[in-house]
């Protein structure tokens, strides 16, 4: 493999990201600028940034690998993600934006503290524990994926690959803040979109077309073309389908995704972004599954299905395009890592340093603390990744679902149920988070591998609702919720008129 050509593509990509960091830094002088880009982002940026953040190397390697391993059955994941993204844009984004603008909130804990009149900082402290623990593990795993990608494509050592990836991410994220993150996510999202649009088409053409691929897959294993997969219409098959569909519902309330709605310039930009976001996720996910299926027809018998994208990129494309596909794999990881780092930094700086310990501290100094916190958290994750600790891979299985289970039920209840109380929301966050983790550790293997987000959501909603029914909601909260939804309806009327 002509590594110099691939290396040249990587260098150009790195220079572009560093340039975005310098450019974004001009607007990262205060907290709102650093953590939500001054709430000025246009529709196309928040659409691509949301989807690029919600996906990761799992999309490029994991979902293509699932298409390779289980075929048509993996399309249930596509259904879940498309539904999750569509409902998030159509139902959650506008009321959340309206609430956070009224509160001048720049973090999700900001919103929760104001929504539930939390003067004791319970939401801020609880969010700190949940977010920093999950983000550190998730970031370490993504850096591990970056190191392995460098090793596989360019033949650098694993450690050098991890360090290069971490340095680039930490630079543009710490210097440029959320604006740099959002616009780099735009670039990365476009690359992922184009790559997953082209790869399955080239794969199917190389394999002889649609009919040829389907015939080959059916001959190898008829279950590859069965909607219920190898399980058929059994309890295990139904559990598998429900778990796959549930993956997408993290988009309804994971805090790193809610931040995108908060950062939009206005409600009209959110409405415009919704169609872009749905089209984007369809191309992402369908492209990944179909690429894996074409790859199964072309390269049967792979020991590790998750190597199918690197295999196809090296065997079906010239070196310069192989370099681009490496960049796309890196983009999937980087677009997740940068957003997670900003999320965890915002909780430490805004919700703890400023709101709890020193409300009088200057905005410029807080912005500096934000940069330092980003570097520190990234450095801790880098340490784990360099050690290539295998426990991280186990931990990251519920990092996504842990964040979603803690926040999504509470956020949805806070947006749409007038009766939600502070005690209910706090208890629901704890219950959803702990249930997702305990399920993975103690029950998942015995329960047909039921995805942990499902019991996490059930516990989160049940406890939030149950405790709220026996406690009192904050004064004025019900009237405020009605006012928010009237404003959303009014704005929608104005947008369509």
Protein backbone atom coordinates (compact mmCIF):
# COMPACT_ATOMS: atom_id res chain seq x y z
CA UNK A 1 0.00 0.00 0.00
CA UNK A 2 1.53 3.38 -1.00
CA UNK A 3 1.46 4.89 2.47
CA UNK A 4 2.82 8.33 1.36
CA UNK A 5 -0.36 9.07 -0.60
CA UNK A 6 -2.56 8.05 2.34
CA UNK A 7 -0.35 10.08 4.66
CA UNK A 8 -0.72 13.16 2.44
CA UNK A 9 -4.51 12.89 2.68
CA UNK A 10 -4.23 12.61 6.47
CA UNK A 11 -1.96 15.65 6.72
CA UNK A 12 -4.36 17.75 4.62
CA UNK A 13 -7.25 16.68 6.85
CA UNK A 14 -5.30 17.50 10.01
CA UNK A 15 -4.37 20.95 8.71
CA UNK A 16 -8.02 21.64 7.89
CA UNK A 17 -9.12 20.76 11.42
CA UNK A 18 -6.38 22.88 12.98
CA UNK A 19 -7.47 25.80 10.77
CA UNK A 20 -11.09 25.37 11.91
CA UNK A 21 -9.85 25.47 15.51
CA UNK A 22 -8.04 28.78 15.01
CA UNK A 23 -11.04 30.26 13.21
CA UNK A 24 -13.51 29.11 15.86
CA UNK A 25 -11.32 30.51 18.64
CA UNK A 26 -12.28 34.05 17.69
CA UNK A 27 -15.75 33.50 19.12
CA UNK A 28 -14.74 31.43 22.15
CA UNK A 29 -13.96 34.29 24.52
CA UNK A 30 -16.91 33.81 26.87
CA UNK A 31 -18.93 30.87 28.16
CA UNK A 32 -21.78 31.09 25.66
CA UNK A 33 -19.28 31.44 22.82
CA UNK A 34 -17.12 28.58 24.04
CA UNK A 35 -19.85 26.07 24.95
CA UNK A 36 -22.77 26.80 22.54
CA UNK A 37 -21.16 28.96 19.81
CA UNK A 38 -23.11 31.99 21.02
CA UNK A 39 -26.35 30.23 19.98
CA UNK A 40 -25.81 31.35 16.38
CA UNK A 41 -25.43 28.13 14.38
CA UNK A 42 -27.33 27.71 11.08
CA UNK A 43 -29.48 24.73 10.15
CA UNK A 44 -27.03 22.81 7.98
CA UNK A 45 -24.34 22.95 10.66
CA UNK A 46 -26.53 21.72 13.53
CA UNK A 47 -28.05 18.99 11.33
CA UNK A 48 -24.74 17.45 10.28
CA UNK A 49 -23.16 18.08 13.68
CA UNK A 50 -25.99 16.32 15.53
CA UNK A 51 -25.81 13.21 13.39
CA UNK A 52 -22.01 13.10 13.27
CA UNK A 53 -21.95 13.39 17.07
CA UNK A 54 -24.63 10.75 17.57
CA UNK A 55 -22.64 8.28 15.49
CA UNK A 56 -19.00 7.29 15.98
CA UNK A 57 -16.52 4.73 14.70
CA UNK A 58 -19.36 2.33 15.55
CA UNK A 59 -21.16 3.53 12.41
CA UNK A 60 -18.23 2.99 10.03
CA UNK A 61 -16.86 -0.18 11.58
CA UNK A 62 -19.63 -1.57 13.80
CA UNK A 63 -22.71 -1.10 11.62
CA UNK A 64 -20.93 -2.13 8.42
CA UNK A 65 -19.75 -5.16 10.40
CA UNK A 66 -23.33 -5.92 11.44
CA UNK A 67 -24.47 -5.67 7.83
CA UNK A 68 -21.72 -8.18 7.03
CA UNK A 69 -22.58 -10.50 9.92
CA UNK A 70 -26.39 -10.48 10.04
CA UNK A 71 -27.51 -8.88 6.76
CA UNK A 72 -31.06 -7.54 6.44
CA UNK A 73 -31.70 -7.99 10.18
CA UNK A 74 -29.43 -4.97 10.82
CA UNK A 75 -31.95 -2.70 9.07
CA UNK A 76 -33.97 -2.66 12.32
CA UNK A 77 -31.19 -0.42 13.68
CA UNK A 78 -31.74 1.88 10.72
CA UNK A 79 -35.48 2.05 11.50
CA UNK A 80 -34.78 2.91 15.14
CA UNK A 81 -32.25 5.61 14.35
CA UNK A 82 -34.40 7.23 11.67
CA UNK A 83 -37.40 7.27 14.02
CA UNK A 84 -35.29 8.59 16.89
CA UNK A 85 -33.78 11.40 14.84
CA UNK A 86 -37.11 12.35 13.23
CA UNK A 87 -38.96 12.48 16.56
CA UNK A 88 -36.13 14.42 18.20
CA UNK A 89 -36.26 17.15 15.54
CA UNK A 90 -40.05 17.18 15.24
CA UNK A 91 -41.02 16.98 18.91
CA UNK A 92 -38.11 17.72 21.26
CA UNK A 93 -35.96 20.36 19.57
CA UNK A 94 -38.31 23.36 19.50
CA UNK A 95 -39.67 23.26 23.08
CA UNK A 96 -36.17 22.55 24.41
CA UNK A 97 -34.82 25.51 22.44
CA UNK A 98 -37.63 27.74 23.73
CA UNK A 99 -37.03 26.75 27.35
CA UNK A 100 -33.25 27.14 27.20
CA UNK A 101 -33.49 30.53 25.50
CA UNK A 102 -35.84 31.76 28.23
CA UNK A 103 -33.43 30.55 30.90
CA UNK A 104 -30.34 31.73 29.02
CA UNK A 105 -29.11 28.18 29.64
CA UNK A 106 -25.91 26.94 28.02
CA UNK A 107 -25.82 23.40 29.47
CA UNK A 108 -28.41 20.68 30.01
CA UNK A 109 -27.92 20.87 33.83
CA UNK A 110 -28.56 24.63 33.48
CA UNK A 111 -31.91 23.80 31.96
CA UNK A 112 -32.81 21.19 34.56
CA UNK A 113 -31.82 23.43 37.46
CA UNK A 114 -34.00 26.29 36.18
CA UNK A 115 -36.90 24.09 35.08
CA UNK A 116 -37.16 22.51 38.55
CA UNK A 117 -36.10 25.57 40.62
CA UNK A 118 -33.12 23.65 41.98
CA UNK A 119 -31.27 26.06 44.30
CA UNK A 120 -29.30 23.25 45.98
CA UNK A 121 -27.42 22.32 42.77
CA UNK A 122 -28.54 18.68 42.89
CA UNK A 123 -28.90 18.43 39.12
CA UNK A 124 -25.50 20.02 38.52
CA UNK A 125 -23.65 17.66 40.87
CA UNK A 126 -25.51 14.59 39.66
CA UNK A 127 -24.88 15.53 36.03
CA UNK A 128 -21.20 16.05 36.76
CA UNK A 129 -20.82 12.51 38.09
CA UNK A 130 -22.78 10.88 35.26
CA UNK A 131 -21.34 12.89 32.36
CA UNK A 132 -17.67 12.95 33.34
CA UNK A 133 -17.55 9.21 34.10
CA UNK A 134 -19.31 8.22 30.88
CA UNK A 135 -17.43 10.72 28.71
CA UNK A 136 -13.99 9.68 29.96
CA UNK A 137 -14.64 6.02 29.15
CA UNK A 138 -16.30 6.74 25.81
CA UNK A 139 -13.50 9.10 24.76
CA UNK A 140 -10.83 6.57 25.69
CA UNK A 141 -12.52 3.93 23.55
CA UNK A 142 -12.78 6.28 20.57
CA UNK A 143 -9.09 7.20 20.89
CA UNK A 144 -8.34 3.48 20.95
CA UNK A 145 -10.25 3.13 17.67
CA UNK A 146 -8.22 6.01 16.19
CA UNK A 147 -4.96 4.32 17.18
CA UNK A 148 -6.05 1.06 15.59
CA UNK A 149 -7.12 2.86 12.40
CA UNK A 150 -3.71 4.52 12.05
CA UNK A 151 -2.02 1.17 12.65
CA UNK A 152 -4.16 -0.63 10.07
CA UNK A 153 -4.04 1.98 7.28
CA UNK A 154 -0.66 3.69 7.67
CA UNK A 155 1.32 1.09 9.66
CA UNK A 156 2.24 3.55 12.42
CA UNK A 157 2.44 2.16 15.92
CA UNK A 158 -0.82 2.07 17.85
CA UNK A 159 0.53 4.54 20.43
CA UNK A 160 1.61 7.10 17.84
CA UNK A 161 -1.82 6.91 16.21
CA UNK A 162 -3.57 7.53 19.53
CA UNK A 163 -1.35 10.50 20.34
CA UNK A 164 -1.73 12.09 16.89
CA UNK A 165 -5.51 11.79 17.04
CA UNK A 166 -5.69 13.11 20.60
CA UNK A 167 -3.43 16.09 19.91
CA UNK A 168 -5.46 17.20 16.88
CA UNK A 169 -8.80 16.81 18.69
CA UNK A 170 -7.62 18.53 21.87
CA UNK A 171 -6.15 21.42 19.90
CA UNK A 172 -9.14 22.38 17.80
CA UNK A 173 -11.61 21.62 20.60
CA UNK A 174 -9.81 23.54 23.36
CA UNK A 175 -8.83 26.49 21.16
CA UNK A 176 -11.96 26.79 19.06
CA UNK A 177 -14.66 25.69 21.51
CA UNK A 178 -18.10 24.59 20.38
CA UNK A 179 -18.01 26.59 17.15
CA UNK A 180 -14.91 24.71 16.01
CA UNK A 181 -16.49 21.44 17.15
CA UNK A 182 -19.72 22.11 15.24
CA UNK A 183 -18.02 23.16 12.00
CA UNK A 184 -15.48 20.34 12.17
CA UNK A 185 -18.44 18.01 12.72
CA UNK A 186 -19.98 19.49 9.58
CA UNK A 187 -16.87 18.61 7.58
CA UNK A 188 -16.70 15.17 9.18
CA UNK A 189 -20.42 14.58 8.69
CA UNK A 190 -20.22 15.47 4.99
CA UNK A 191 -17.28 13.09 4.57
CA UNK A 192 -19.20 10.31 6.32
CA UNK A 193 -22.27 11.06 4.15
CA UNK A 194 -20.32 10.89 0.90
CA UNK A 195 -18.35 7.81 1.95
CA UNK A 196 -21.42 5.84 2.94
CA UNK A 197 -23.21 6.94 -0.23
CA UNK A 198 -20.38 5.80 -2.52
CA UNK A 199 -19.09 2.66 -0.75
CA UNK A 200 -22.21 0.46 -1.08
CA UNK A 201 -22.71 1.50 -4.71
CA UNK A 202 -19.13 0.56 -5.62
CA UNK A 203 -19.45 -2.62 -3.55
CA UNK A 204 -22.64 -3.76 -5.27
CA UNK A 205 -21.21 -2.97 -8.73
CA UNK A 206 -18.03 -4.91 -7.94
CA UNK A 207 -20.12 -7.86 -6.70
CA UNK A 208 -22.18 -8.00 -9.89
CA UNK A 209 -25.23 -5.99 -8.91
CA UNK A 210 -28.16 -6.31 -6.52
CA UNK A 211 -29.43 -9.68 -7.78
CA UNK A 212 -25.99 -11.22 -7.68
CA UNK A 213 -25.37 -10.04 -4.11
CA UNK A 214 -28.75 -11.32 -2.91
CA UNK A 215 -28.19 -14.68 -4.60
CA UNK A 216 -24.73 -15.05 -3.08
CA UNK A 217 -25.92 -14.14 0.40
CA UNK A 218 -28.89 -16.50 0.22
CA UNK A 219 -26.63 -19.34 -0.89
CA UNK A 220 -24.24 -18.68 1.98
CA UNK A 221 -26.91 -18.30 4.68
CA UNK A 222 -30.64 -17.66 4.04
CA UNK A 223 -30.87 -15.94 7.45
CA UNK A 224 -28.85 -13.04 5.98
CA UNK A 225 -31.94 -12.06 3.99
CA UNK A 226 -34.50 -12.76 6.74
CA UNK A 227 -35.95 -9.71 8.57
CA UNK A 228 -35.88 -11.58 11.89
CA UNK A 229 -32.42 -12.96 11.20
CA UNK A 230 -31.28 -16.32 12.49
CA UNK A 231 -33.80 -16.26 15.35
CA UNK A 232 -36.96 -16.14 13.26
CA UNK A 233 -40.26 -15.23 14.90
CA UNK A 234 -39.17 -16.29 18.39
CA UNK A 235 -38.75 -14.53 21.72
CA UNK A 236 -35.04 -14.09 21.02
CA UNK A 237 -35.85 -12.62 17.61
CA UNK A 238 -38.39 -10.17 19.01
CA UNK A 239 -36.00 -9.09 21.78
CA UNK A 240 -33.29 -8.56 19.18
CA UNK A 241 -35.57 -6.40 17.02
CA UNK A 242 -36.78 -4.31 19.97
CA UNK A 243 -33.20 -3.78 21.13
CA UNK A 244 -32.04 -2.71 17.68
CA UNK A 245 -34.92 -0.25 17.27
CA UNK A 246 -34.30 1.18 20.75
CA UNK A 247 -30.74 2.24 19.91
CA UNK A 248 -32.02 5.28 18.04
CA UNK A 249 -34.10 6.67 20.86
CA UNK A 250 -31.03 8.03 22.61
CA UNK A 251 -31.34 10.86 20.09
CA UNK A 252 -34.37 12.09 22.05
CA UNK A 253 -32.40 13.23 25.07
CA UNK A 254 -28.67 12.44 25.18
CA UNK A 255 -27.10 15.68 26.48
CA UNK A 256 -24.42 15.94 23.77
CA UNK A 257 -27.23 16.02 21.20
CA UNK A 258 -29.52 18.39 23.11
CA UNK A 259 -26.69 20.92 23.09
CA UNK A 260 -27.07 21.15 19.29
CA UNK A 261 -30.70 22.26 19.62
CA UNK A 262 -29.64 24.81 22.21
CA UNK A 263 -26.94 26.25 19.92
CA UNK A 264 -29.26 26.90 16.96
CA UNK A 265 -29.69 30.49 15.88
CA UNK A 266 -33.49 30.30 16.21
CA UNK A 267 -36.47 28.01 15.81
CA UNK A 268 -36.62 28.47 12.05
CA UNK A 269 -33.10 27.04 11.73
CA UNK A 270 -34.24 23.98 13.71
CA UNK A 271 -37.21 23.45 11.39
CA UNK A 272 -34.93 23.73 8.35
CA UNK A 273 -32.37 21.37 9.92
CA UNK A 274 -34.90 18.62 10.56
CA UNK A 275 -35.19 17.45 6.94
CA UNK A 276 -31.40 17.58 6.47
CA UNK A 277 -30.94 15.56 9.65
CA UNK A 278 -33.36 12.81 8.66
CA UNK A 279 -31.93 12.45 5.13
CA UNK A 280 -28.42 12.37 6.59
CA UNK A 281 -29.15 9.56 9.05
CA UNK A 282 -30.88 7.49 6.35
CA UNK A 283 -27.82 7.68 4.10
CA UNK A 284 -25.48 7.01 7.04
CA UNK A 285 -27.22 3.89 8.26
CA UNK A 286 -28.58 2.34 5.06
CA UNK A 287 -25.21 2.92 3.41
CA UNK A 288 -23.37 1.20 6.26
CA UNK A 289 -25.62 -1.88 6.30
CA UNK A 290 -25.64 -2.28 2.52
CA UNK A 291 -21.86 -1.78 2.34
CA UNK A 292 -21.47 -4.63 4.83
CA UNK A 293 -23.80 -6.87 2.81
CA UNK A 294 -21.93 -6.15 -0.43
CA UNK A 295 -18.69 -6.80 1.43
CA UNK A 296 -19.99 -10.20 2.61
CA UNK A 297 -20.60 -11.15 -1.02
CA UNK A 298 -17.15 -9.95 -2.11
CA UNK A 299 -15.02 -11.06 0.84
CA UNK A 300 -16.69 -13.98 2.65
CA UNK A 301 -15.12 -15.63 5.64
CA UNK A 302 -13.63 -12.63 7.46
CA UNK A 303 -12.75 -13.50 11.04
CA UNK A 304 -13.65 -9.99 12.21
CA UNK A 305 -16.68 -8.50 10.37
CA UNK A 306 -15.70 -5.01 11.55
CA UNK A 307 -12.70 -5.06 9.20
CA UNK A 308 -14.93 -5.08 6.12
CA UNK A 309 -14.77 -1.30 5.51
CA UNK A 310 -10.95 -1.15 5.58
CA UNK A 311 -10.90 -4.27 3.38
CA UNK A 312 -13.27 -2.75 0.80
CA UNK A 313 -11.49 0.61 0.81
CA UNK A 314 -8.09 -0.95 0.12
CA UNK A 315 -9.27 -3.55 -2.42
CA UNK A 316 -11.83 -1.52 -4.40
CA UNK A 317 -10.32 1.97 -4.47
CA UNK A 318 -7.01 3.61 -5.47
CA UNK A 319 -4.70 4.77 -2.65
CA UNK A 320 -5.94 8.36 -2.52
CA UNK A 321 -9.49 7.12 -1.87
CA UNK A 322 -8.20 4.63 0.67
CA UNK A 323 -6.73 7.66 2.47
CA UNK A 324 -10.10 9.38 2.28
CA UNK A 325 -11.83 6.36 3.80
CA UNK A 326 -9.29 6.35 6.63
CA UNK A 327 -10.13 10.01 7.16
CA UNK A 328 -13.82 9.08 7.23
CA UNK A 329 -13.21 6.47 9.92
CA UNK A 330 -11.21 9.02 11.92
CA UNK A 331 -13.95 11.62 11.34
CA UNK A 332 -16.54 9.30 12.87
CA UNK A 333 -14.49 9.02 16.07
CA UNK A 334 -13.36 12.64 16.17
CA UNK A 335 -16.85 14.05 15.71
CA UNK A 336 -17.95 12.11 18.78
CA UNK A 337 -14.88 12.80 20.93
CA UNK A 338 -14.85 16.57 20.41
CA UNK A 339 -18.52 16.87 21.37
CA UNK A 340 -18.10 14.71 24.46
CA UNK A 341 -15.11 16.75 25.61
CA UNK A 342 -17.03 20.01 25.26
CA UNK A 343 -19.99 18.47 27.07
CA UNK A 344 -17.93 17.34 30.07
CA UNK A 345 -15.95 20.58 30.16
CA UNK A 346 -19.17 22.62 30.23
CA UNK A 347 -20.47 20.67 33.22
CA UNK A 348 -17.25 21.20 35.18
CA UNK A 349 -16.83 24.89 34.35
CA UNK A 350 -20.36 26.24 34.02
CA UNK A 351 -22.24 24.01 36.44
CA UNK A 352 -19.64 23.54 39.15
CA UNK A 353 -16.95 26.26 39.07
CA UNK A 354 -19.27 29.15 38.17
CA UNK A 355 -22.70 28.18 39.47
CA UNK A 356 -21.64 26.46 42.70
CA UNK A 357 -18.30 27.89 43.78
CA UNK A 358 -17.72 31.34 42.25
CA UNK A 359 -20.61 33.07 40.42
CA UNK A 360 -18.60 36.32 40.23
CA UNK A 361 -15.71 34.89 38.21
CA UNK A 362 -15.10 36.65 34.86
CA UNK A 363 -16.31 35.19 31.58
CA UNK A 364 -12.84 35.30 30.06
CA UNK A 365 -11.37 33.40 32.96
CA UNK A 366 -14.14 30.82 32.78
CA UNK A 367 -13.43 30.37 29.08
CA UNK A 368 -9.79 29.71 29.96
CA UNK A 369 -10.88 27.16 32.56
CA UNK A 370 -13.02 25.54 29.88
CA UNK A 371 -9.98 25.09 27.65
CA UNK A 372 -7.91 23.66 30.51
CA UNK A 373 -10.68 21.30 31.59
CA UNK A 374 -11.05 20.02 28.04
CA UNK A 375 -7.33 19.23 27.92
CA UNK A 376 -7.33 17.57 31.36
CA UNK A 377 -10.30 15.28 30.63
CA UNK A 378 -8.88 14.46 27.22
CA UNK A 379 -5.51 13.73 28.81
CA UNK A 380 -7.06 11.27 31.28
CA UNK A 381 -8.85 9.50 28.43
CA UNK A 382 -5.59 9.47 26.46
CA UNK A 383 -3.89 7.71 29.36
CA UNK A 384 -6.50 4.96 29.35
CA UNK A 385 -6.31 4.64 25.56
CA UNK A 386 -2.51 4.34 25.55
CA UNK A 387 -2.79 1.50 28.01
CA UNK A 388 -5.33 -0.13 25.67
CA UNK A 389 -7.25 -1.27 28.72
CA UNK A 390 -9.74 -3.88 27.54
CA UNK A 391 -12.17 -2.94 30.31
CA UNK A 392 -12.83 0.28 28.41
CA UNK A 393 -14.50 -1.66 25.61
CA UNK A 394 -16.89 -3.23 28.11
CA UNK A 395 -17.54 0.13 29.74
CA UNK A 396 -18.29 1.93 26.47
CA UNK A 397 -21.09 -0.56 25.71
CA UNK A 398 -23.25 1.30 28.20
CA UNK A 399 -21.66 4.78 27.99
CA UNK A 400 -24.11 5.81 25.24
CA UNK A 401 -27.06 4.13 26.94
CA UNK A 402 -25.95 5.35 30.40
CA UNK A 403 -26.08 8.98 29.28
CA UNK A 404 -29.36 8.50 27.44
CA UNK A 405 -31.02 6.55 30.27
CA UNK A 406 -30.08 9.20 32.81
CA UNK A 407 -31.28 12.20 30.83
CA UNK A 408 -33.85 11.24 28.18
CA UNK A 409 -36.80 10.18 30.41
CA UNK A 410 -36.33 13.20 32.66
CA UNK A 411 -35.95 15.67 29.79
CA UNK A 412 -39.01 14.33 27.97
CA UNK A 413 -41.13 14.46 31.13
CA UNK A 414 -39.91 17.99 31.85
CA UNK A 415 -40.87 19.13 28.35
CA UNK A 416 -44.28 17.51 28.07
CA UNK A 417 -45.71 16.62 31.50
CA UNK A 418 -46.88 19.50 33.67
CA UNK A 419 -46.85 17.34 36.80
CA UNK A 420 -43.10 16.51 36.78
CA UNK A 421 -41.42 17.42 40.07
CA UNK A 422 -37.86 18.08 41.16
CA UNK A 423 -37.79 14.97 43.35
CA UNK A 424 -39.18 12.86 40.51
CA UNK A 425 -36.60 14.14 38.05
CA UNK A 426 -33.66 13.56 40.41
CA UNK A 427 -34.85 10.06 41.28
CA UNK A 428 -35.51 9.28 37.61
CA UNK A 429 -32.00 10.33 36.57
CA UNK A 430 -30.43 8.10 39.20
CA UNK A 431 -32.73 5.16 38.45
CA UNK A 432 -32.24 5.30 34.67
CA UNK A 433 -28.47 5.60 34.94
CA UNK A 434 -27.96 2.85 37.51
CA UNK A 435 -30.40 0.47 35.83
CA UNK A 436 -28.57 0.68 32.48
CA UNK A 437 -25.25 -0.08 34.16
CA UNK A 438 -26.52 -2.85 36.44
CA UNK A 439 -28.36 -4.48 33.54
CA UNK A 440 -25.13 -4.83 31.54
CA UNK A 441 -23.16 -6.14 34.51
CA UNK A 442 -25.71 -8.55 35.99
CA UNK A 443 -28.63 -9.36 33.69
CA UNK A 444 -27.96 -8.79 30.00
CA UNK A 445 -26.48 -12.19 29.17
CA UNK A 446 -29.39 -14.02 30.84
CA UNK A 447 -32.04 -11.88 29.08
CA UNK A 448 -31.32 -12.59 25.41
CA UNK A 449 -28.87 -9.63 25.34
CA UNK A 450 -31.75 -7.17 25.68
CA UNK A 451 -30.27 -3.73 25.03
CA UNK A 452 -29.65 -1.92 28.33
CA UNK A 453 -31.28 1.31 27.19
CA UNK A 454 -34.69 -0.37 27.31
CA UNK A 455 -34.66 -1.24 31.05
CA UNK A 456 -32.85 2.07 31.64
CA UNK A 457 -35.66 4.01 29.97
CA UNK A 458 -38.36 1.97 31.71
CA UNK A 459 -36.79 2.63 35.11
CA UNK A 460 -36.18 6.30 34.34
CA UNK A 461 -39.76 6.96 33.24
CA UNK A 462 -41.34 4.82 35.95
CA UNK A 463 -39.42 6.41 38.80
CA UNK A 464 -39.78 9.96 37.45
CA UNK A 465 -43.55 9.53 37.10
CA UNK A 466 -44.04 7.56 40.31
CA UNK A 467 -42.13 9.98 42.55
CA UNK A 468 -43.68 13.01 40.82
CA UNK A 469 -47.17 11.72 41.58
CA UNK A 470 -46.48 11.82 45.33
CA UNK A 471 -44.54 15.12 45.40
CA UNK A 472 -45.37 18.68 44.42
CA UNK A 473 -44.18 20.34 41.19
CA UNK A 474 -42.37 23.71 41.40
CA UNK A 475 -44.54 26.82 41.66
CA UNK A 476 -45.41 28.19 38.24
CA UNK A 477 -43.85 25.27 36.33
CA UNK A 478 -47.12 24.06 34.83
CA UNK A 479 -48.05 27.52 33.59
CA UNK A 480 -44.55 27.97 32.20
CA UNK A 481 -44.78 24.69 30.27
CA UNK A 482 -48.08 25.80 28.73
CA UNK A 483 -46.51 29.13 27.78
CA UNK A 484 -43.55 27.41 26.13
CA UNK A 485 -45.77 25.20 24.01
CA UNK A 486 -47.95 28.17 22.99
CA UNK A 487 -44.80 29.97 21.88
CA UNK A 488 -43.66 26.94 19.88
CA UNK A 489 -47.04 26.69 18.13
CA UNK A 490 -46.98 30.41 17.37
CA UNK A 491 -43.45 30.21 15.96
CA UNK A 492 -44.36 27.20 13.83
CA UNK A 493 -47.34 29.09 12.47
CA UNK A 494 -45.07 31.98 11.60
CA UNK A 495 -42.54 29.68 9.96
CA UNK A 496 -45.13 28.05 7.74
CA UNK A 497 -46.85 31.23 6.85
